[in-house]
Amino acid sequence: MPRPLGELEDAVMTRVWKWNRPVTVREVLEDLQQERSIAYTTVMTVLDNLHQKGWVRREAEGRAYRYEAVSTRAAYAAALMNDAWSQSDNPAAALVAFFGMMSPEQREALRDAVRMVAGPETPAPENPAENPARNPADENPAATEGDGGR
């Protein structure tokens, strides 16, 4: 499981994930400078560290590199949640507490995700008593009385 990103690593990765394309140190620097004073070498070091940690891949372009995310932010968040959940001594209670912290919108997103993972709903088995027109013997000839299972 990956360790959580540090504050500056997260700020850099947020841009890499948002832009969803190979980026240069200069591009990340210019965007970060809109929020804070930061040096080119600091951003370069952070991207190099993220590369060494396996968060980004890089490709040489002239004397510089272009960096690209190895996985998505969603995959990162899922890995963090899975790690936290697996460390619980009572996973069911941890899930109940987590669901209790969710907003209605988050709970709806969770329902959508469960539907996506579960796939298309299969109809519940019919209860023959509720549908007298359906004869169970039609599907299973052995269920017909008096035929000896033929």
N, C-alpha and C. Protein backbone atom coordinates (compact mmCIF):
# COMPACT_ATOMS: atom_id res chain seq x y z
N MET A 1 0.84 -1.18 0.00
CA MET A 1 0.00 0.00 0.00
C MET A 1 0.88 1.23 0.00
N PRO A 2 0.59 2.18 -0.84
CA PRO A 2 1.38 3.41 -0.87
C PRO A 2 1.13 4.26 0.37
N ARG A 3 2.18 4.91 0.81
CA ARG A 3 2.02 5.88 1.90
C ARG A 3 1.24 7.07 1.39
N PRO A 4 0.49 7.72 2.27
CA PRO A 4 -0.21 8.93 1.82
C PRO A 4 0.80 9.97 1.33
N LEU A 5 0.40 10.72 0.34
CA LEU A 5 1.25 11.77 -0.20
C LEU A 5 1.38 12.90 0.82
N GLY A 6 2.55 13.53 0.83
CA GLY A 6 2.73 14.73 1.63
C GLY A 6 1.98 15.89 1.01
N GLU A 7 1.91 17.00 1.72
CA GLU A 7 1.13 18.16 1.27
C GLU A 7 1.60 18.69 -0.10
N LEU A 8 2.91 18.84 -0.27
CA LEU A 8 3.43 19.35 -1.54
C LEU A 8 3.34 18.29 -2.63
N GLU A 9 3.60 17.04 -2.28
CA GLU A 9 3.44 15.95 -3.25
C GLU A 9 2.00 15.91 -3.76
N ASP A 10 1.06 16.06 -2.84
CA ASP A 10 -0.35 16.04 -3.24
C ASP A 10 -0.68 17.23 -4.15
N ALA A 11 -0.15 18.40 -3.85
CA ALA A 11 -0.39 19.57 -4.69
C ALA A 11 0.14 19.34 -6.11
N VAL A 12 1.31 18.71 -6.21
CA VAL A 12 1.89 18.43 -7.53
C VAL A 12 1.07 17.35 -8.24
N MET A 13 0.78 16.25 -7.53
CA MET A 13 0.02 15.16 -8.15
C MET A 13 -1.38 15.61 -8.55
N THR A 14 -1.98 16.52 -7.80
CA THR A 14 -3.30 17.03 -8.15
C THR A 14 -3.28 17.61 -9.56
N ARG A 15 -2.24 18.35 -9.87
CA ARG A 15 -2.11 18.94 -11.21
C ARG A 15 -1.86 17.87 -12.27
N VAL A 16 -1.00 16.93 -11.96
CA VAL A 16 -0.69 15.86 -12.92
C VAL A 16 -1.97 15.08 -13.22
N TRP A 17 -2.73 14.74 -12.18
CA TRP A 17 -3.99 14.01 -12.38
C TRP A 17 -5.01 14.86 -13.12
N LYS A 18 -5.13 16.11 -12.75
CA LYS A 18 -6.14 16.98 -13.37
C LYS A 18 -5.86 17.18 -14.85
N TRP A 19 -4.62 17.43 -15.20
CA TRP A 19 -4.28 17.69 -16.59
C TRP A 19 -4.28 16.42 -17.43
N ASN A 20 -4.05 15.27 -16.79
CA ASN A 20 -4.14 13.96 -17.46
C ASN A 20 -3.34 13.88 -18.76
N ARG A 21 -2.12 14.39 -18.68
CA ARG A 21 -1.20 14.34 -19.83
C ARG A 21 0.21 14.52 -19.27
N PRO A 22 1.22 14.21 -20.05
CA PRO A 22 2.59 14.45 -19.58
C PRO A 22 2.82 15.95 -19.36
N VAL A 23 3.44 16.28 -18.22
CA VAL A 23 3.66 17.68 -17.84
C VAL A 23 5.13 17.93 -17.56
N THR A 24 5.52 19.18 -17.68
CA THR A 24 6.90 19.58 -17.36
C THR A 24 6.94 20.20 -15.97
N VAL A 25 8.14 20.27 -15.41
CA VAL A 25 8.34 20.94 -14.14
C VAL A 25 7.87 22.39 -14.26
N ARG A 26 8.20 23.04 -15.36
CA ARG A 26 7.83 24.45 -15.56
C ARG A 26 6.32 24.64 -15.50
N GLU A 27 5.54 23.75 -16.14
CA GLU A 27 4.08 23.88 -16.13
C GLU A 27 3.52 23.77 -14.70
N VAL A 28 4.02 22.78 -13.97
CA VAL A 28 3.56 22.59 -12.60
C VAL A 28 3.97 23.79 -11.75
N LEU A 29 5.21 24.24 -11.92
CA LEU A 29 5.72 25.40 -11.19
C LEU A 29 4.82 26.62 -11.41
N GLU A 30 4.54 26.94 -12.65
CA GLU A 30 3.75 28.13 -12.96
C GLU A 30 2.36 28.06 -12.36
N ASP A 31 1.77 26.87 -12.34
CA ASP A 31 0.44 26.73 -11.75
C ASP A 31 0.51 26.83 -10.23
N LEU A 32 1.51 26.21 -9.63
CA LEU A 32 1.67 26.29 -8.17
C LEU A 32 1.96 27.71 -7.71
N GLN A 33 2.69 28.47 -8.51
CA GLN A 33 3.05 29.84 -8.13
C GLN A 33 1.84 30.76 -8.04
N GLN A 34 0.71 30.35 -8.58
CA GLN A 34 -0.52 31.13 -8.43
C GLN A 34 -1.04 31.07 -7.00
N GLU A 35 -0.60 30.05 -6.25
CA GLU A 35 -1.06 29.85 -4.88
C GLU A 35 0.02 30.13 -3.84
N ARG A 36 1.28 29.96 -4.20
CA ARG A 36 2.37 30.05 -3.22
C ARG A 36 3.67 30.42 -3.90
N SER A 37 4.59 30.86 -3.11
CA SER A 37 5.94 31.12 -3.61
C SER A 37 6.71 29.82 -3.52
N ILE A 38 7.21 29.38 -4.66
CA ILE A 38 7.90 28.09 -4.70
C ILE A 38 8.97 28.13 -5.78
N ALA A 39 10.08 27.45 -5.53
CA ALA A 39 11.22 27.46 -6.46
C ALA A 39 11.11 26.31 -7.48
N TYR A 40 11.67 26.55 -8.65
CA TYR A 40 11.73 25.54 -9.71
C TYR A 40 12.38 24.26 -9.18
N THR A 41 13.50 24.41 -8.46
CA THR A 41 14.22 23.23 -7.97
C THR A 41 13.39 22.43 -6.97
N THR A 42 12.51 23.10 -6.23
CA THR A 42 11.65 22.38 -5.28
C THR A 42 10.67 21.50 -6.04
N VAL A 43 10.04 22.05 -7.07
CA VAL A 43 9.08 21.27 -7.87
C VAL A 43 9.82 20.14 -8.58
N MET A 44 11.01 20.41 -9.09
CA MET A 44 11.80 19.38 -9.76
C MET A 44 12.12 18.25 -8.79
N THR A 45 12.50 18.59 -7.55
CA THR A 45 12.82 17.57 -6.55
C THR A 45 11.58 16.75 -6.19
N VAL A 46 10.44 17.42 -6.04
CA VAL A 46 9.20 16.71 -5.70
C VAL A 46 8.84 15.73 -6.82
N LEU A 47 8.90 16.18 -8.07
CA LEU A 47 8.58 15.28 -9.18
C LEU A 47 9.59 14.13 -9.28
N ASP A 48 10.85 14.41 -9.00
CA ASP A 48 11.85 13.33 -8.99
C ASP A 48 11.54 12.33 -7.88
N ASN A 49 11.17 12.82 -6.70
CA ASN A 49 10.80 11.92 -5.60
C ASN A 49 9.57 11.09 -5.95
N LEU A 50 8.57 11.73 -6.58
CA LEU A 50 7.37 11.00 -6.99
C LEU A 50 7.71 9.94 -8.03
N HIS A 51 8.67 10.23 -8.88
CA HIS A 51 9.14 9.24 -9.86
C HIS A 51 9.79 8.06 -9.14
N GLN A 52 10.66 8.35 -8.20
CA GLN A 52 11.35 7.29 -7.46
C GLN A 52 10.37 6.43 -6.65
N LYS A 53 9.29 7.05 -6.18
CA LYS A 53 8.27 6.33 -5.40
C LYS A 53 7.29 5.57 -6.30
N GLY A 54 7.38 5.79 -7.60
CA GLY A 54 6.51 5.07 -8.52
C GLY A 54 5.18 5.73 -8.82
N TRP A 55 4.99 6.98 -8.43
CA TRP A 55 3.75 7.69 -8.69
C TRP A 55 3.67 8.23 -10.11
N VAL A 56 4.83 8.59 -10.68
CA VAL A 56 4.87 9.13 -12.04
C VAL A 56 5.95 8.42 -12.84
N ARG A 57 5.74 8.38 -14.14
CA ARG A 57 6.81 7.92 -15.05
C ARG A 57 7.31 9.17 -15.75
N ARG A 58 8.51 9.11 -16.26
CA ARG A 58 9.03 10.29 -16.95
C ARG A 58 9.71 9.89 -18.24
N GLU A 59 9.69 10.83 -19.16
CA GLU A 59 10.33 10.63 -20.45
C GLU A 59 11.15 11.88 -20.76
N ALA A 60 12.38 11.65 -21.18
CA ALA A 60 13.26 12.78 -21.49
C ALA A 60 12.74 13.53 -22.71
N GLU A 61 12.81 14.86 -22.60
CA GLU A 61 12.47 15.73 -23.71
C GLU A 61 13.52 16.84 -23.72
N GLY A 62 14.51 16.69 -24.57
CA GLY A 62 15.63 17.62 -24.54
C GLY A 62 16.41 17.46 -23.25
N ARG A 63 16.61 18.57 -22.54
CA ARG A 63 17.33 18.52 -21.27
C ARG A 63 16.41 18.37 -20.06
N ALA A 64 15.11 18.28 -20.34
CA ALA A 64 14.13 18.18 -19.26
C ALA A 64 13.36 16.85 -19.38
N TYR A 65 12.42 16.65 -18.46
CA TYR A 65 11.55 15.48 -18.48
C TYR A 65 10.10 15.92 -18.57
N ARG A 66 9.29 15.03 -19.11
CA ARG A 66 7.84 15.16 -19.03
C ARG A 66 7.38 14.04 -18.11
N TYR A 67 6.54 14.40 -17.14
CA TYR A 67 6.06 13.46 -16.13
C TYR A 67 4.59 13.14 -16.37
N GLU A 68 4.24 11.87 -16.13
CA GLU A 68 2.87 11.42 -16.33
C GLU A 68 2.49 10.49 -15.18
N ALA A 69 1.26 10.61 -14.70
CA ALA A 69 0.79 9.77 -13.59
C ALA A 69 0.78 8.31 -14.00
N VAL A 70 1.15 7.46 -13.06
CA VAL A 70 1.13 6.01 -13.29
C VAL A 70 -0.28 5.47 -13.08
N SER A 71 -1.03 6.04 -12.13
CA SER A 71 -2.40 5.62 -11.89
C SER A 71 -3.26 6.86 -11.64
N THR A 72 -4.52 6.65 -11.44
CA THR A 72 -5.47 7.76 -11.27
C THR A 72 -5.59 8.18 -9.81
N ARG A 73 -6.14 9.35 -9.61
CA ARG A 73 -6.41 9.80 -8.24
C ARG A 73 -7.43 8.88 -7.59
N ALA A 74 -8.39 8.39 -8.35
CA ALA A 74 -9.39 7.47 -7.80
C ALA A 74 -8.73 6.19 -7.29
N ALA A 75 -7.76 5.67 -8.04
CA ALA A 75 -7.05 4.47 -7.60
C ALA A 75 -6.25 4.75 -6.33
N TYR A 76 -5.66 5.94 -6.24
CA TYR A 76 -4.92 6.33 -5.04
C TYR A 76 -5.86 6.40 -3.84
N ALA A 77 -7.01 7.05 -4.00
CA ALA A 77 -7.97 7.17 -2.91
C ALA A 77 -8.47 5.80 -2.49
N ALA A 78 -8.74 4.94 -3.46
CA ALA A 78 -9.21 3.58 -3.16
C ALA A 78 -8.17 2.81 -2.37
N ALA A 79 -6.91 2.94 -2.75
CA ALA A 79 -5.84 2.24 -2.04
C ALA A 79 -5.73 2.73 -0.60
N LEU A 80 -5.87 4.04 -0.39
CA LEU A 80 -5.83 4.58 0.98
C LEU A 80 -7.00 4.06 1.81
N MET A 81 -8.20 4.06 1.21
CA MET A 81 -9.38 3.57 1.93
C MET A 81 -9.23 2.08 2.25
N ASN A 82 -8.75 1.31 1.29
CA ASN A 82 -8.58 -0.12 1.51
C ASN A 82 -7.56 -0.39 2.62
N ASP A 83 -6.48 0.37 2.62
CA ASP A 83 -5.46 0.18 3.64
C ASP A 83 -6.03 0.51 5.02
N ALA A 84 -6.72 1.62 5.14
CA ALA A 84 -7.30 2.01 6.43
C ALA A 84 -8.32 0.97 6.89
N TRP A 85 -9.14 0.50 5.97
CA TRP A 85 -10.17 -0.48 6.31
C TRP A 85 -9.56 -1.81 6.73
N SER A 86 -8.52 -2.24 6.03
CA SER A 86 -7.91 -3.54 6.34
C SER A 86 -7.17 -3.52 7.68
N GLN A 87 -6.84 -2.35 8.19
CA GLN A 87 -6.15 -2.26 9.47
C GLN A 87 -7.13 -2.27 10.65
N SER A 88 -8.41 -2.21 10.38
CA SER A 88 -9.41 -2.20 11.44
C SER A 88 -9.57 -3.59 12.04
N ASP A 89 -9.76 -3.63 13.37
CA ASP A 89 -10.01 -4.93 14.00
C ASP A 89 -11.48 -5.33 13.86
N ASN A 90 -12.33 -4.40 13.37
CA ASN A 90 -13.73 -4.69 13.12
C ASN A 90 -14.14 -3.99 11.83
N PRO A 91 -13.84 -4.62 10.68
CA PRO A 91 -14.11 -3.97 9.39
C PRO A 91 -15.57 -3.54 9.19
N ALA A 92 -16.52 -4.34 9.67
CA ALA A 92 -17.93 -3.97 9.50
C ALA A 92 -18.24 -2.69 10.26
N ALA A 93 -17.76 -2.58 11.48
CA ALA A 93 -17.99 -1.37 12.28
C ALA A 93 -17.31 -0.17 11.64
N ALA A 94 -16.12 -0.39 11.07
CA ALA A 94 -15.41 0.71 10.40
C ALA A 94 -16.22 1.21 9.21
N LEU A 95 -16.80 0.28 8.44
CA LEU A 95 -17.62 0.69 7.29
C LEU A 95 -18.86 1.45 7.74
N VAL A 96 -19.52 0.96 8.80
CA VAL A 96 -20.71 1.64 9.30
C VAL A 96 -20.35 3.07 9.73
N ALA A 97 -19.23 3.21 10.44
CA ALA A 97 -18.80 4.55 10.88
C ALA A 97 -18.47 5.43 9.67
N PHE A 98 -17.81 4.86 8.67
CA PHE A 98 -17.46 5.61 7.46
C PHE A 98 -18.72 6.05 6.72
N PHE A 99 -19.68 5.15 6.56
CA PHE A 99 -20.92 5.50 5.87
C PHE A 99 -21.66 6.60 6.63
N GLY A 100 -21.57 6.56 7.96
CA GLY A 100 -22.22 7.58 8.78
C GLY A 100 -21.62 8.96 8.59
N MET A 101 -20.38 9.03 8.15
CA MET A 101 -19.71 10.31 7.91
C MET A 101 -20.04 10.88 6.53
N MET A 102 -20.64 10.08 5.67
CA MET A 102 -20.87 10.49 4.30
C MET A 102 -22.05 11.45 4.17
N SER A 103 -21.91 12.35 3.21
CA SER A 103 -23.02 13.24 2.87
C SER A 103 -24.04 12.44 2.04
N PRO A 104 -25.24 12.94 1.89
CA PRO A 104 -26.22 12.25 1.04
C PRO A 104 -25.69 12.03 -0.39
N GLU A 105 -24.96 13.01 -0.91
CA GLU A 105 -24.40 12.87 -2.26
C GLU A 105 -23.37 11.75 -2.32
N GLN A 106 -22.56 11.64 -1.27
CA GLN A 106 -21.56 10.59 -1.23
C GLN A 106 -22.22 9.21 -1.11
N ARG A 107 -23.29 9.13 -0.31
CA ARG A 107 -24.01 7.85 -0.18
C ARG A 107 -24.63 7.45 -1.52
N GLU A 108 -25.14 8.43 -2.26
CA GLU A 108 -25.71 8.14 -3.58
C GLU A 108 -24.61 7.66 -4.53
N ALA A 109 -23.44 8.29 -4.46
CA ALA A 109 -22.30 7.85 -5.29
C ALA A 109 -21.90 6.42 -4.90
N LEU A 110 -21.96 6.11 -3.62
CA LEU A 110 -21.65 4.75 -3.16
C LEU A 110 -22.66 3.76 -3.73
N ARG A 111 -23.96 4.12 -3.68
CA ARG A 111 -24.97 3.23 -4.25
C ARG A 111 -24.71 2.99 -5.74
N ASP A 112 -24.37 4.06 -6.46
CA ASP A 112 -24.06 3.93 -7.89
C ASP A 112 -22.87 3.00 -8.10
N ALA A 113 -21.84 3.16 -7.27
CA ALA A 113 -20.64 2.32 -7.40
C ALA A 113 -20.96 0.86 -7.12
N VAL A 114 -21.78 0.59 -6.11
CA VAL A 114 -22.15 -0.79 -5.80
C VAL A 114 -22.93 -1.39 -6.96
N ARG A 115 -23.83 -0.60 -7.55
CA ARG A 115 -24.58 -1.10 -8.71
C ARG A 115 -23.63 -1.42 -9.87
N MET A 116 -22.62 -0.58 -10.07
CA MET A 116 -21.67 -0.81 -11.17
C MET A 116 -20.88 -2.10 -10.93
N VAL A 117 -20.44 -2.32 -9.70
CA VAL A 117 -19.65 -3.50 -9.39
C VAL A 117 -20.51 -4.76 -9.44
N ALA A 118 -21.75 -4.66 -8.97
CA ALA A 118 -22.64 -5.81 -8.92
C ALA A 118 -23.10 -6.22 -10.31
N GLY A 119 -23.08 -5.30 -11.25
CA GLY A 119 -23.53 -5.62 -12.60
C GLY A 119 -25.04 -5.53 -12.70
N PRO A 120 -25.57 -6.00 -13.83
CA PRO A 120 -27.03 -5.90 -14.02
C PRO A 120 -27.75 -6.72 -12.95
N GLU A 121 -28.84 -6.14 -12.48
CA GLU A 121 -29.61 -6.85 -11.45
C GLU A 121 -30.27 -8.06 -12.06
N THR A 122 -30.25 -9.15 -11.30
CA THR A 122 -30.96 -10.35 -11.73
C THR A 122 -32.29 -10.36 -10.99
N PRO A 123 -33.36 -10.74 -11.68
CA PRO A 123 -34.66 -10.73 -11.02
C PRO A 123 -34.68 -11.73 -9.87
N ALA A 124 -35.42 -11.39 -8.84
CA ALA A 124 -35.55 -12.30 -7.70
C ALA A 124 -36.28 -13.54 -8.17
N PRO A 125 -35.95 -14.70 -7.59
CA PRO A 125 -36.65 -15.92 -7.99
C PRO A 125 -38.14 -15.77 -7.73
N GLU A 126 -38.92 -16.30 -8.65
CA GLU A 126 -40.37 -16.20 -8.50
C GLU A 126 -40.84 -17.15 -7.43
N ASN A 127 -41.87 -16.73 -6.70
CA ASN A 127 -42.51 -17.60 -5.72
C ASN A 127 -43.72 -18.19 -6.41
N PRO A 128 -43.75 -19.52 -6.62
CA PRO A 128 -44.87 -20.13 -7.35
C PRO A 128 -46.22 -19.82 -6.71
N ALA A 129 -46.26 -19.64 -5.40
CA ALA A 129 -47.53 -19.36 -4.73
C ALA A 129 -48.06 -17.99 -5.15
N GLU A 130 -47.15 -17.06 -5.52
CA GLU A 130 -47.58 -15.72 -5.93
C GLU A 130 -47.99 -15.66 -7.39
N ASN A 131 -47.64 -16.67 -8.18
CA ASN A 131 -47.96 -16.68 -9.60
C ASN A 131 -48.60 -18.02 -9.94
N PRO A 132 -49.90 -18.18 -9.70
CA PRO A 132 -50.55 -19.47 -9.92
C PRO A 132 -50.56 -19.88 -11.39
N ALA A 133 -50.38 -18.96 -12.32
CA ALA A 133 -50.39 -19.30 -13.74
C ALA A 133 -49.14 -20.07 -14.13
N ARG A 134 -48.09 -19.94 -13.35
CA ARG A 134 -46.82 -20.61 -13.66
C ARG A 134 -46.82 -21.96 -12.98
N ASN A 135 -46.50 -23.00 -13.71
CA ASN A 135 -46.46 -24.35 -13.18
C ASN A 135 -45.01 -24.78 -13.06
N PRO A 136 -44.49 -25.00 -11.84
CA PRO A 136 -43.09 -25.40 -11.69
C PRO A 136 -42.76 -26.69 -12.43
N ALA A 137 -43.73 -27.52 -12.65
CA ALA A 137 -43.47 -28.77 -13.35
C ALA A 137 -43.09 -28.53 -14.80
N ASP A 138 -43.46 -27.34 -15.34
CA ASP A 138 -43.11 -27.02 -16.72
C ASP A 138 -41.60 -26.95 -16.89
N GLU A 139 -40.89 -26.48 -15.86
CA GLU A 139 -39.44 -26.38 -15.95
C GLU A 139 -38.74 -27.64 -15.49
N ASN A 140 -39.39 -28.43 -14.64
CA ASN A 140 -38.76 -29.62 -14.08
C ASN A 140 -39.74 -30.78 -14.17
N PRO A 141 -39.65 -31.54 -15.24
CA PRO A 141 -40.60 -32.65 -15.41
C PRO A 141 -40.56 -33.64 -14.26
N ALA A 142 -39.44 -33.77 -13.58
CA ALA A 142 -39.34 -34.72 -12.46
C ALA A 142 -40.21 -34.27 -11.29
N ALA A 143 -40.62 -33.01 -11.28
CA ALA A 143 -41.43 -32.50 -10.17
C ALA A 143 -42.90 -32.87 -10.34
N THR A 144 -43.32 -33.39 -11.49
CA THR A 144 -44.70 -33.74 -11.74
C THR A 144 -45.04 -35.00 -10.96
N GLU A 145 -46.15 -34.94 -10.21
CA GLU A 145 -46.53 -36.07 -9.40
C GLU A 145 -46.98 -37.22 -10.28
N GLY A 146 -46.66 -38.41 -9.83
CA GLY A 146 -47.17 -39.62 -10.45
C GLY A 146 -46.51 -40.02 -11.73
N ASP A 147 -45.45 -39.34 -12.18
CA ASP A 147 -44.82 -39.77 -13.44
C ASP A 147 -43.58 -40.60 -13.17
N GLY A 148 -43.25 -40.78 -11.90
CA GLY A 148 -42.10 -41.61 -11.56
C GLY A 148 -40.78 -40.96 -11.92
N GLY A 149 -40.79 -39.65 -12.12
CA GLY A 149 -39.56 -38.94 -12.40
C GLY A 149 -39.14 -39.03 -13.84
N ARG A 150 -40.07 -39.56 -14.76
CA ARG A 150 -39.71 -39.68 -16.17
C ARG A 150 -39.70 -38.38 -16.86
